[in-house]
Protein backbone atom coordinates (compact mmCIF):
# COMPACT_ATOMS: atom_id res chain seq x y z
CA MET A 1 -18.21 94.99 -186.04
CA LYS A 2 -15.69 93.10 -188.18
CA LEU A 3 -15.75 93.44 -191.95
CA LEU A 4 -16.77 89.81 -192.44
CA GLU A 5 -19.81 90.32 -190.22
CA LYS A 6 -20.74 93.43 -192.23
CA GLU A 7 -20.41 91.49 -195.49
CA ILE A 8 -22.65 88.73 -194.16
CA ASN A 9 -25.26 91.26 -193.06
CA VAL A 10 -25.24 92.92 -196.50
CA LEU A 11 -25.75 89.58 -198.28
CA LEU A 12 -28.64 88.76 -195.96
CA LYS A 13 -30.26 92.20 -196.24
CA LYS A 14 -29.99 92.15 -200.04
CA GLY A 15 -31.85 88.83 -200.04
CA PHE A 16 -29.13 86.72 -201.60
CA TYR A 17 -29.73 84.20 -198.82
CA LYS A 18 -32.83 83.40 -196.78
CA ASN A 19 -30.85 83.12 -193.57
CA ARG A 20 -27.38 82.89 -192.05
CA GLU A 21 -27.37 79.07 -192.15
CA GLU A 22 -27.99 79.01 -195.92
CA LEU A 23 -25.17 81.52 -196.43
CA ILE A 24 -22.77 79.43 -194.33
CA GLU A 25 -23.71 76.23 -196.19
CA ASP A 26 -23.03 77.93 -199.52
CA ALA A 27 -19.73 79.34 -198.25
CA CYS A 28 -18.64 75.88 -197.02
CA ARG A 29 -19.58 74.26 -200.33
CA ALA A 30 -17.54 76.87 -202.21
CA LEU A 31 -14.58 76.40 -199.86
CA LEU A 32 -14.60 72.62 -200.24
CA ARG A 33 -15.03 72.89 -204.01
CA ASN A 34 -11.94 75.10 -204.24
CA ARG A 35 -9.79 73.18 -201.76
CA PRO A 36 -9.78 69.46 -202.58
CA HIS A 37 -7.46 68.61 -199.68
CA LEU A 38 -10.12 69.88 -197.28
CA ARG A 39 -12.76 67.70 -198.96
CA LEU A 40 -10.51 64.71 -198.36
CA GLU A 41 -10.02 65.65 -194.69
CA VAL A 42 -13.77 66.03 -194.17
CA ALA A 43 -14.46 62.72 -195.91
CA ILE A 44 -11.85 60.87 -193.84
CA SER A 45 -13.15 62.32 -190.58
CA LEU A 46 -16.77 61.46 -191.38
CA TYR A 47 -15.73 57.96 -192.45
CA GLU A 48 -13.59 57.43 -189.34
CA ASN A 49 -16.53 58.49 -187.15
CA GLU A 50 -18.68 55.97 -189.04
CA GLU A 51 -21.06 58.72 -190.14
CA ILE A 52 -20.78 57.78 -193.82
CA SER A 53 -19.91 54.75 -195.93
CA LEU A 54 -16.68 54.18 -197.81
CA SER A 55 -18.32 54.95 -201.14
CA LYS A 56 -19.93 58.16 -199.80
CA ALA A 57 -16.58 59.24 -198.36
CA ALA A 58 -14.88 58.72 -201.72
CA GLU A 59 -17.67 60.69 -203.41
CA ILE A 60 -17.26 63.60 -200.96
CA ALA A 61 -13.49 63.53 -201.46
CA GLY A 62 -14.00 63.60 -205.23
CA ILE A 63 -11.90 60.50 -205.83
CA CYS A 64 -12.55 56.84 -206.64
CA ILE A 65 -12.93 54.29 -203.86
CA GLU A 66 -9.49 52.79 -204.49
CA GLU A 67 -7.84 56.21 -204.21
CA PHE A 68 -9.75 56.85 -201.00
CA LYS A 69 -8.58 53.50 -199.59
CA GLU A 70 -5.04 54.51 -200.50
CA SER A 71 -5.49 57.84 -198.66
CA LEU A 72 -6.63 55.93 -195.59
CA LYS A 73 -3.63 53.62 -195.86
CA ASP A 74 -1.26 56.61 -196.21
CA ARG A 75 -2.58 57.87 -192.88
CA GLY A 76 -2.23 54.50 -191.19
CA LEU A 77 -6.00 53.97 -191.18
CA SER A 78 -7.78 50.85 -192.29
CA VAL A 79 -10.96 50.21 -194.22
CA LYS A 80 -13.80 49.35 -191.87
CA VAL A 81 -15.78 46.32 -192.86
CA PRO A 82 -19.34 46.49 -191.55
CA PRO A 83 -20.47 43.43 -189.63
CA ILE A 84 -22.76 41.04 -191.45
CA SER A 85 -25.11 38.63 -189.75
CA LYS A 86 -24.99 34.90 -190.47
CA GLU A 87 -28.46 35.14 -192.02
CA GLU A 88 -27.42 37.94 -194.38
CA LEU A 89 -24.30 36.02 -195.37
CA GLU A 90 -26.28 32.85 -196.11
CA GLU A 91 -28.80 34.88 -198.13
CA GLN A 92 -26.03 36.46 -200.21
CA ILE A 93 -24.36 33.09 -200.78
CA GLY A 94 -27.71 31.69 -201.92
CA THR A 95 -28.15 34.55 -204.35
CA ILE A 96 -24.66 34.03 -205.77
CA LEU A 97 -25.25 30.30 -206.18
CA LYS A 98 -28.55 30.93 -207.99
CA VAL A 99 -26.92 33.39 -210.37
CA SER A 100 -24.05 31.03 -211.13
CA GLU A 101 -26.36 28.13 -212.06
């Protein structure tokens, strides 16, 4: 048995974690907290796979939306604009016109 496996078993037996999944989640959070470049990579991948929004990706990366857009651009990636239906667009235009009156 490798040392890492022994360490995991000790942490579980001592009750620091309810189960292996909780331990792994905590370990991943600590890793991403200490390695910002990995947070950015995770955020970009999730965004590229359309699993999260632009703002959520920036939040995960720990940077503002504009910096995240710049990171996408640096990698030759573009910002994805979600499709909007004609009805939604007309509703938003109506709301803007009401506010501007």
